[in-house]
PDB file of N, CA and C in Angstrom:
ATOM      1  N   ALA A   1      57.788 116.639 109.710  1.00  0.00           N
ATOM      2  CA  ALA A   1      57.071 115.353 109.587  1.00  0.00           C
ATOM      3  C   ALA A   1      57.027 114.867 108.147  1.00  0.00           C
ATOM      4  N   ASP A   2      56.979 113.592 107.902  1.00  0.00           N
ATOM      5  CA  ASP A   2      57.017 112.911 106.645  1.00  0.00           C
ATOM      6  C   ASP A   2      55.478 113.048 106.152  1.00  0.00           C
ATOM      7  N   GLU A   3      55.255 113.712 105.113  1.00  0.00           N
ATOM      8  CA  GLU A   3      53.988 113.985 104.605  1.00  0.00           C
ATOM      9  C   GLU A   3      53.584 112.792 103.623  1.00  0.00           C
ATOM     10  N   CYS A   4      54.554 111.784 103.343  1.00  0.00           N
ATOM     11  CA  CYS A   4      54.327 110.832 102.398  1.00  0.00           C
ATOM     12  C   CYS A   4      53.008 110.079 102.653  1.00  0.00           C
ATOM     13  N   ASN A   5      52.135 109.921 101.641  1.00  0.00           N
ATOM     14  CA  ASN A   5      50.820 109.197 101.985  1.00  0.00           C
ATOM     15  C   ASN A   5      50.767 107.876 101.194  1.00  0.00           C
ATOM     16  N   HIS A   6      51.967 107.296 100.811  1.00  0.00           N
ATOM     17  CA  HIS A   6      52.045 105.999 100.092  1.00  0.00           C
ATOM     18  C   HIS A   6      51.461 104.888 101.378  1.00  0.00           C
ATOM     19  N   ARG A   7      50.761 104.055 100.944  1.00  0.00           N
ATOM     20  CA  ARG A   7      50.305 102.969 101.905  1.00  0.00           C
ATOM     21  C   ARG A   7      51.340 102.326 102.610  1.00  0.00           C
ATOM     22  N   PHE A   8      52.560 102.078 101.854  1.00  0.00           N
ATOM     23  CA  PHE A   8      53.595 101.112 102.413  1.00  0.00           C
ATOM     24  C   PHE A   8      54.273 101.781 103.699  1.00  0.00           C
ATOM     25  N   HIS A   9      54.097 103.348 103.587  1.00  0.00           N
ATOM     26  CA  HIS A   9      54.708 103.833 104.766  1.00  0.00           C
ATOM     27  C   HIS A   9      54.027 104.028 105.977  1.00  0.00           C
ATOM     28  N   ARG A  10      52.769 103.360 105.860  1.00  0.00           N
ATOM     29  CA  ARG A  10      51.875 103.340 107.121  1.00  0.00           C
ATOM     30  C   ARG A  10      52.092 101.885 107.833  1.00  0.00           C
ATOM     31  N   VAL A  11      52.720 101.017 107.060  1.00  0.00           N
ATOM     32  CA  VAL A  11      52.849  99.537 107.740  1.00  0.00           C
ATOM     33  C   VAL A  11      54.121  99.700 108.762  1.00  0.00           C
ATOM     34  N   ALA A  12      53.762  99.246 109.916  1.00  0.00           N
ATOM     35  CA  ALA A  12      54.829  99.121 110.809  1.00  0.00           C
ATOM     36  C   ALA A  12      55.634  97.899 110.467  1.00  0.00           C
ATOM     37  N   LEU A  13      57.056  97.939 110.422  1.00  0.00           N
ATOM     38  CA  LEU A  13      57.924  96.900 109.978  1.00  0.00           C
ATOM     39  C   LEU A  13      58.535  96.398 111.206  1.00  0.00           C
ATOM     40  N   GLY A  14      58.660  94.977 111.342  1.00  0.00           N
ATOM     41  CA  GLY A  14      59.470  94.348 112.226  1.00  0.00           C
ATOM     42  C   GLY A  14      60.556  93.615 111.428  1.00  0.00           C
ATOM     43  N   ARG A  15      61.255  92.794 111.975  1.00  0.00           N
ATOM     44  CA  ARG A  15      62.127  91.824 111.135  1.00  0.00           C
ATOM     45  C   ARG A  15      62.126  90.389 111.796  1.00  0.00           C
ATOM     46  N   ILE A  16      62.354  89.537 110.911  1.00  0.00           N
ATOM     47  CA  ILE A  16      62.174  88.117 111.279  1.00  0.00           C
ATOM     48  C   ILE A  16      63.298  87.188 110.963  1.00  0.00           C
ATOM     49  N   SER A  17      63.815  86.431 111.556  1.00  0.00           N
ATOM     50  CA  SER A  17      64.820  85.414 111.440  1.00  0.00           C
ATOM     51  C   SER A  17      64.312  83.894 111.624  1.00  0.00           C
ATOM     52  N   ILE A  18      64.376  83.112 110.532  1.00  0.00           N
ATOM     53  CA  ILE A  18      63.880  81.805 110.489  1.00  0.00           C
ATOM     54  C   ILE A  18      64.826  80.777 110.277  1.00  0.00           C
ATOM     55  N   ARG A  19      64.978  79.736 111.157  1.00  0.00           N
ATOM     56  CA  ARG A  19      65.735  78.597 111.009  1.00  0.00           C
ATOM     57  C   ARG A  19      64.935  77.273 111.185  1.00  0.00           C
ATOM     58  N   ALA A  20      65.388  76.240 110.533  1.00  0.00           N
ATOM     59  CA  ALA A  20      64.731  74.922 110.654  1.00  0.00           C
ATOM     60  C   ALA A  20      65.843  73.753 110.803  1.00  0.00           C
ATOM     61  N   VAL A  21      65.262  72.709 111.547  1.00  0.00           N
ATOM     62  CA  VAL A  21      65.979  71.502 111.734  1.00  0.00           C
ATOM     63  C   VAL A  21      65.237  70.411 111.342  1.00  0.00           C
ATOM     64  N   PRO A  22      65.469  69.549 110.253  1.00  0.00           N
ATOM     65  CA  PRO A  22      66.474  69.777 109.232  1.00  0.00           C
ATOM     66  C   PRO A  22      66.069  71.073 108.386  1.00  0.00           C
ATOM     67  N   ASP A  23      67.007  71.814 107.618  1.00  0.00           N
ATOM     68  CA  ASP A  23      66.833  72.938 107.032  1.00  0.00           C
ATOM     69  C   ASP A  23      66.363  72.755 105.389  1.00  0.00           C
ATOM     70  N   ASN A  24      65.958  71.545 105.076  1.00  0.00           N
ATOM     71  CA  ASN A  24      65.617  71.203 103.732  1.00  0.00           C
ATOM     72  C   ASN A  24      64.089  71.342 103.740  1.00  0.00           C
ATOM     73  N   CYS A  25      63.440  72.408 104.019  1.00  0.00           N
ATOM     74  CA  CYS A  25      62.088  72.680 103.987  1.00  0.00           C
ATOM     75  C   CYS A  25      61.712  74.011 103.286  1.00  0.00           C
ATOM     76  N   GLU A  26      60.391  74.117 102.953  1.00  0.00           N
ATOM     77  CA  GLU A  26      59.931  75.309 102.399  1.00  0.00           C
ATOM     78  C   GLU A  26      59.232  76.092 103.628  1.00  0.00           C
ATOM     79  N   VAL A  27      59.428  77.422 103.531  1.00  0.00           N
ATOM     80  CA  VAL A  27      58.989  78.331 104.573  1.00  0.00           C
ATOM     81  C   VAL A  27      57.981  79.271 104.071  1.00  0.00           C
ATOM     82  N   SER A  28      56.831  79.398 104.712  1.00  0.00           N
ATOM     83  CA  SER A  28      55.855  80.270 104.213  1.00  0.00           C
ATOM     84  C   SER A  28      55.491  81.085 105.518  1.00  0.00           C
ATOM     85  N   ILE A  29      55.185  82.447 105.241  1.00  0.00           N
ATOM     86  CA  ILE A  29      54.834  83.509 106.173  1.00  0.00           C
ATOM     87  C   ILE A  29      53.469  83.883 105.857  1.00  0.00           C
ATOM     88  N   ASP A  30      52.384  83.445 106.725  1.00  0.00           N
ATOM     89  CA  ASP A  30      51.149  83.922 106.607  1.00  0.00           C
ATOM     90  C   ASP A  30      50.526  83.266 105.248  1.00  0.00           C
ATOM     91  N   GLY A  31      51.003  82.035 104.919  1.00  0.00           N
ATOM     92  CA  GLY A  31      50.533  81.466 103.744  1.00  0.00           C
ATOM     93  C   GLY A  31      51.274  81.613 102.304  1.00  0.00           C
ATOM     94  N   ILE A  32      52.215  82.476 102.407  1.00  0.00           N
ATOM     95  CA  ILE A  32      52.875  82.827 101.174  1.00  0.00           C
ATOM     96  C   ILE A  32      54.353  82.408 101.305  1.00  0.00           C
ATOM     97  N   PHE A  33      54.727  81.561 100.356  1.00  0.00           N
ATOM     98  CA  PHE A  33      56.123  81.180 100.170  1.00  0.00           C
ATOM     99  C   PHE A  33      57.205  82.090 100.460  1.00  0.00           C
ATOM    100  N   ALA A  34      58.040  81.968 101.291  1.00  0.00           N
ATOM    101  CA  ALA A  34      59.017  82.937 101.614  1.00  0.00           C
ATOM    102  C   ALA A  34      60.361  82.651 101.078  1.00  0.00           C
ATOM    103  N   ASP A  35      60.866  81.409 101.517  1.00  0.00           N
ATOM    104  CA  ASP A  35      62.168  81.007 100.984  1.00  0.00           C
ATOM    105  C   ASP A  35      62.537  79.713 101.591  1.00  0.00           C
ATOM    106  N   TYR A  36      63.620  79.209 101.446  1.00  0.00           N
ATOM    107  CA  TYR A  36      64.199  78.086 102.291  1.00  0.00           C
ATOM    108  C   TYR A  36      65.049  78.637 103.254  1.00  0.00           C
ATOM    109  N   PRO A  37      65.074  77.840 104.473  1.00  0.00           N
ATOM    110  CA  PRO A  37      65.932  78.496 105.552  1.00  0.00           C
ATOM    111  C   PRO A  37      67.385  78.334 105.320  1.00  0.00           C
ATOM    112  N   PRO A  38      68.168  79.089 105.977  1.00  0.00           N
ATOM    113  CA  PRO A  38      67.956  80.183 106.935  1.00  0.00           C
ATOM    114  C   PRO A  38      67.455  81.435 106.198  1.00  0.00           C
ATOM    115  N   ILE A  39      66.443  81.935 106.771  1.00  0.00           N
ATOM    116  CA  ILE A  39      65.963  83.407 106.395  1.00  0.00           C
ATOM    117  C   ILE A  39      66.381  84.409 107.600  1.00  0.00           C
ATOM    118  N   LEU A  40      67.258  85.365 107.308  1.00  0.00           N
ATOM    119  CA  LEU A  40      67.838  86.062 108.135  1.00  0.00           C
ATOM    120  C   LEU A  40      67.489  87.500 108.026  1.00  0.00           C
ATOM    121  N   ASP A  41      66.886  88.132 109.056  1.00  0.00           N
ATOM    122  CA  ASP A  41      66.595  89.545 109.191  1.00  0.00           C
ATOM    123  C   ASP A  41      65.821  90.084 108.119  1.00  0.00           C
ATOM    124  N   ARG A  42      64.717  89.441 107.861  1.00  0.00           N
ATOM    125  CA  ARG A  42      63.919  89.811 106.540  1.00  0.00           C
ATOM    126  C   ARG A  42      62.796  90.730 107.266  1.00  0.00           C
ATOM    127  N   PRO A  43      62.638  91.909 106.547  1.00  0.00           N
ATOM    128  CA  PRO A  43      61.601  92.849 106.996  1.00  0.00           C
ATOM    129  C   PRO A  43      60.106  92.178 106.741  1.00  0.00           C
ATOM    130  N   VAL A  44      59.372  92.372 107.849  1.00  0.00           N
ATOM    131  CA  VAL A  44      57.947  91.806 107.676  1.00  0.00           C
ATOM    132  C   VAL A  44      57.158  92.735 108.433  1.00  0.00           C
ATOM    133  N   ALA A  45      55.683  92.855 108.064  1.00  0.00           N
ATOM    134  CA  ALA A  45      54.611  93.656 108.641  1.00  0.00           C
ATOM    135  C   ALA A  45      54.617  93.263 110.085  1.00  0.00           C
ATOM    136  N   ALA A  46      54.541  94.137 111.032  1.00  0.00           N
ATOM    137  CA  ALA A  46      54.328  93.906 112.504  1.00  0.00           C
ATOM    138  C   ALA A  46      52.994  93.287 112.728  1.00  0.00           C
ATOM    139  N   GLY A  47      52.990  92.491 113.745  1.00  0.00           N
ATOM    140  CA  GLY A  47      51.726  91.747 114.023  1.00  0.00           C
ATOM    141  C   GLY A  47      51.956  90.192 114.098  1.00  0.00           C
ATOM    142  N   ILE A  48      50.889  89.578 114.395  1.00  0.00           N
ATOM    143  CA  ILE A  48      51.083  88.014 114.597  1.00  0.00           C
ATOM    144  C   ILE A  48      51.288  87.385 113.262  1.00  0.00           C
ATOM    145  N   ARG A  49      52.492  86.827 113.101  1.00  0.00           N
ATOM    146  CA  ARG A  49      52.725  86.122 111.851  1.00  0.00           C
ATOM    147  C   ARG A  49      52.722  84.581 112.054  1.00  0.00           C
ATOM    148  N   THR A  50      52.113  83.850 111.129  1.00  0.00           N
ATOM    149  CA  THR A  50      52.159  82.376 111.116  1.00  0.00           C
ATOM    150  C   THR A  50      53.234  81.951 110.194  1.00  0.00           C
ATOM    151  N   VAL A  51      54.152  81.295 110.791  1.00  0.00           N
ATOM    152  CA  VAL A  51      55.361  80.844 109.915  1.00  0.00           C
ATOM    153  C   VAL A  51      54.971  79.266 109.887  1.00  0.00           C
ATOM    154  N   ALA A  52      55.074  78.644 108.576  1.00  0.00           N
ATOM    155  CA  ALA A  52      54.887  77.377 108.248  1.00  0.00           C
ATOM    156  C   ALA A  52      56.091  76.752 107.649  1.00  0.00           C
ATOM    157  N   PHE A  53      56.292  75.573 108.068  1.00  0.00           N
ATOM    158  CA  PHE A  53      57.291  74.808 107.572  1.00  0.00           C
ATOM    159  C   PHE A  53      56.792  73.382 106.906  1.00  0.00           C
ATOM    160  N   LYS A  54      57.441  73.191 105.619  1.00  0.00           N
ATOM    161  CA  LYS A  54      56.926  71.908 104.963  1.00  0.00           C
ATOM    162  C   LYS A  54      58.121  71.259 104.507  1.00  0.00           C
ATOM    163  N   TRP A  55      58.444  69.960 104.976  1.00  0.00           N
ATOM    164  CA  TRP A  55      59.535  69.242 104.595  1.00  0.00           C
ATOM    165  C   TRP A  55      59.141  68.408 103.329  1.00  0.00           C
ATOM    166  N   PRO A  56      60.131  67.879 102.610  1.00  0.00           N
ATOM    167  CA  PRO A  56      59.802  67.059 101.424  1.00  0.00           C
ATOM    168  C   PRO A  56      59.039  65.679 101.719  1.00  0.00           C
ATOM    169  N   ASP A  57      59.069  65.073 103.000  1.00  0.00           N
ATOM    170  CA  ASP A  57      58.297  63.956 103.103  1.00  0.00           C
ATOM    171  C   ASP A  57      56.861  64.280 103.549  1.00  0.00           C
ATOM    172  N   GLY A  58      56.623  65.605 103.543  1.00  0.00           N
ATOM    173  CA  GLY A  58      55.080  65.887 103.774  1.00  0.00           C
ATOM    174  C   GLY A  58      54.801  66.502 105.399  1.00  0.00           C
ATOM    175  N   THR A  59      55.952  66.379 106.155  1.00  0.00           N
ATOM    176  CA  THR A  59      55.674  66.721 107.450  1.00  0.00           C
ATOM    177  C   THR A  59      55.545  68.349 107.653  1.00  0.00           C
ATOM    178  N   ARG A  60      54.564  68.756 108.346  1.00  0.00           N
ATOM    179  CA  ARG A  60      54.495  70.227 108.369  1.00  0.00           C
ATOM    180  C   ARG A  60      54.360  70.627 109.772  1.00  0.00           C
ATOM    181  N   ARG A  61      54.953  71.695 110.036  1.00  0.00           N
ATOM    182  CA  ARG A  61      54.833  72.431 111.394  1.00  0.00           C
ATOM    183  C   ARG A  61      54.430  73.936 111.086  1.00  0.00           C
ATOM    184  N   GLU A  62      53.771  74.499 112.167  1.00  0.00           N
ATOM    185  CA  GLU A  62      53.432  75.859 112.139  1.00  0.00           C
ATOM    186  C   GLU A  62      53.810  76.477 113.529  1.00  0.00           C
ATOM    187  N   GLU A  63      54.354  77.787 113.529  1.00  0.00           N
ATOM    188  CA  GLU A  63      54.635  78.421 114.661  1.00  0.00           C
ATOM    189  C   GLU A  63      54.045  79.934 114.539  1.00  0.00           C
ATOM    190  N   GLN A  64      53.481  80.308 115.451  1.00  0.00           N
ATOM    191  CA  GLN A  64      53.162  81.751 115.527  1.00  0.00           C
ATOM    192  C   GLN A  64      54.018  82.610 116.251  1.00  0.00           C
ATOM    193  N   VAL A  65      54.260  83.926 115.680  1.00  0.00           N
ATOM    194  CA  VAL A  65      55.237  84.670 116.359  1.00  0.00           C
ATOM    195  C   VAL A  65      54.632  86.168 116.259  1.00  0.00           C
ATOM    196  N   GLU A  66      54.891  86.820 117.314  1.00  0.00           N
ATOM    197  CA  GLU A  66      54.639  88.301 117.299  1.00  0.00           C
ATOM    198  C   GLU A  66      55.727  89.089 116.775  1.00  0.00           C
ATOM    199  N   VAL A  67      55.627  89.913 115.837  1.00  0.00           N
ATOM    200  CA  VAL A  67      56.594  90.772 115.173  1.00  0.00           C
ATOM    201  C   VAL A  67      56.321  92.237 115.646  1.00  0.00           C
ATOM    202  N   GLN A  68      57.201  92.647 116.245  1.00  0.00           N
ATOM    203  CA  GLN A  68      56.860  93.989 116.737  1.00  0.00           C
ATOM    204  C   GLN A  68      57.868  95.114 116.065  1.00  0.00           C
ATOM    205  N   LYS A  69      57.426  96.243 115.874  1.00  0.00           N
ATOM    206  CA  LYS A  69      58.159  97.288 115.098  1.00  0.00           C
ATOM    207  C   LYS A  69      59.580  97.391 115.761  1.00  0.00           C
ATOM    208  N   GLY A  70      60.352  97.298 114.731  1.00  0.00           N
ATOM    209  CA  GLY A  70      61.864  97.667 114.988  1.00  0.00           C
ATOM    210  C   GLY A  70      62.419  96.594 115.776  1.00  0.00           C
ATOM    211  N   VAL A  71      61.823  95.314 116.133  1.00  0.00           N
ATOM    212  CA  VAL A  71      62.349  94.378 116.749  1.00  0.00           C
ATOM    213  C   VAL A  71      62.782  93.002 115.828  1.00  0.00           C
ATOM    214  N   LEU A  72      63.651  92.441 116.106  1.00  0.00           N
ATOM    215  CA  LEU A  72      63.968  91.095 115.305  1.00  0.00           C
ATOM    216  C   LEU A  72      63.206  89.916 116.273  1.00  0.00           C
ATOM    217  N   ALA A  73      62.333  89.358 115.480  1.00  0.00           N
ATOM    218  CA  ALA A  73      61.606  88.091 116.021  1.00  0.00           C
ATOM    219  C   ALA A  73      62.429  86.920 115.410  1.00  0.00           C
ATOM    220  N   TYR A  74      62.392  85.722 116.196  1.00  0.00           N
ATOM    221  CA  TYR A  74      63.167  84.658 115.791  1.00  0.00           C
ATOM    222  C   TYR A  74      62.327  83.420 115.814  1.00  0.00           C
ATOM    223  N   VAL A  75      62.377  82.513 114.848  1.00  0.00           N
ATOM    224  CA  VAL A  75      61.438  81.276 114.868  1.00  0.00           C
ATOM    225  C   VAL A  75      62.380  80.174 114.458  1.00  0.00           C
ATOM    226  N   MET A  76      62.185  79.038 115.121  1.00  0.00           N
ATOM    227  CA  MET A  76      62.777  77.869 114.824  1.00  0.00           C
ATOM    228  C   MET A  76      61.835  76.728 114.482  1.00  0.00           C
ATOM    229  N   GLY A  77      61.840  76.183 113.393  1.00  0.00           N
ATOM    230  CA  GLY A  77      61.038  74.912 113.222  1.00  0.00           C
ATOM    231  C   GLY A  77      61.819  73.737 113.251  1.00  0.00           C
ATOM    232  N   ARG A  78      61.165  72.763 114.028  1.00  0.00           N
ATOM    233  CA  ARG A  78      61.778  71.419 114.085  1.00  0.00           C
ATOM    234  C   ARG A  78      60.758  70.212 113.644  1.00  0.00           C
ATOM    235  N   LYS A  79      61.450  69.500 112.813  1.00  0.00           N
ATOM    236  CA  LYS A  79      60.788  68.432 112.187  1.00  0.00           C
ATOM    237  C   LYS A  79      60.266  67.300 113.241  1.00  0.00           C
ATOM    238  N   ASP A  80      61.107  66.987 114.284  1.00  0.00           N
ATOM    239  CA  ASP A  80      60.750  65.893 115.068  1.00  0.00           C
ATOM    240  C   ASP A  80      59.719  66.183 116.023  1.00  0.00           C
TER     241      ASP A  80
END
């Protein structure tokens, strides 16, 4: 068994891929800026994550997604 006690190792990780239409937006995960889309196969802590999209004209969208350990979750943000 792995006896490592580092906190990081106790966090169950899933993966998330995020796309947006149009893709000229900022993407945040749980309120923290992540990147501009597409974001592909990014490790993220398992649990309910809130993915927010913010376009240059001020339009905002939020999607909630359940990230499960070892599973790739997919989120699509649409401006319209």
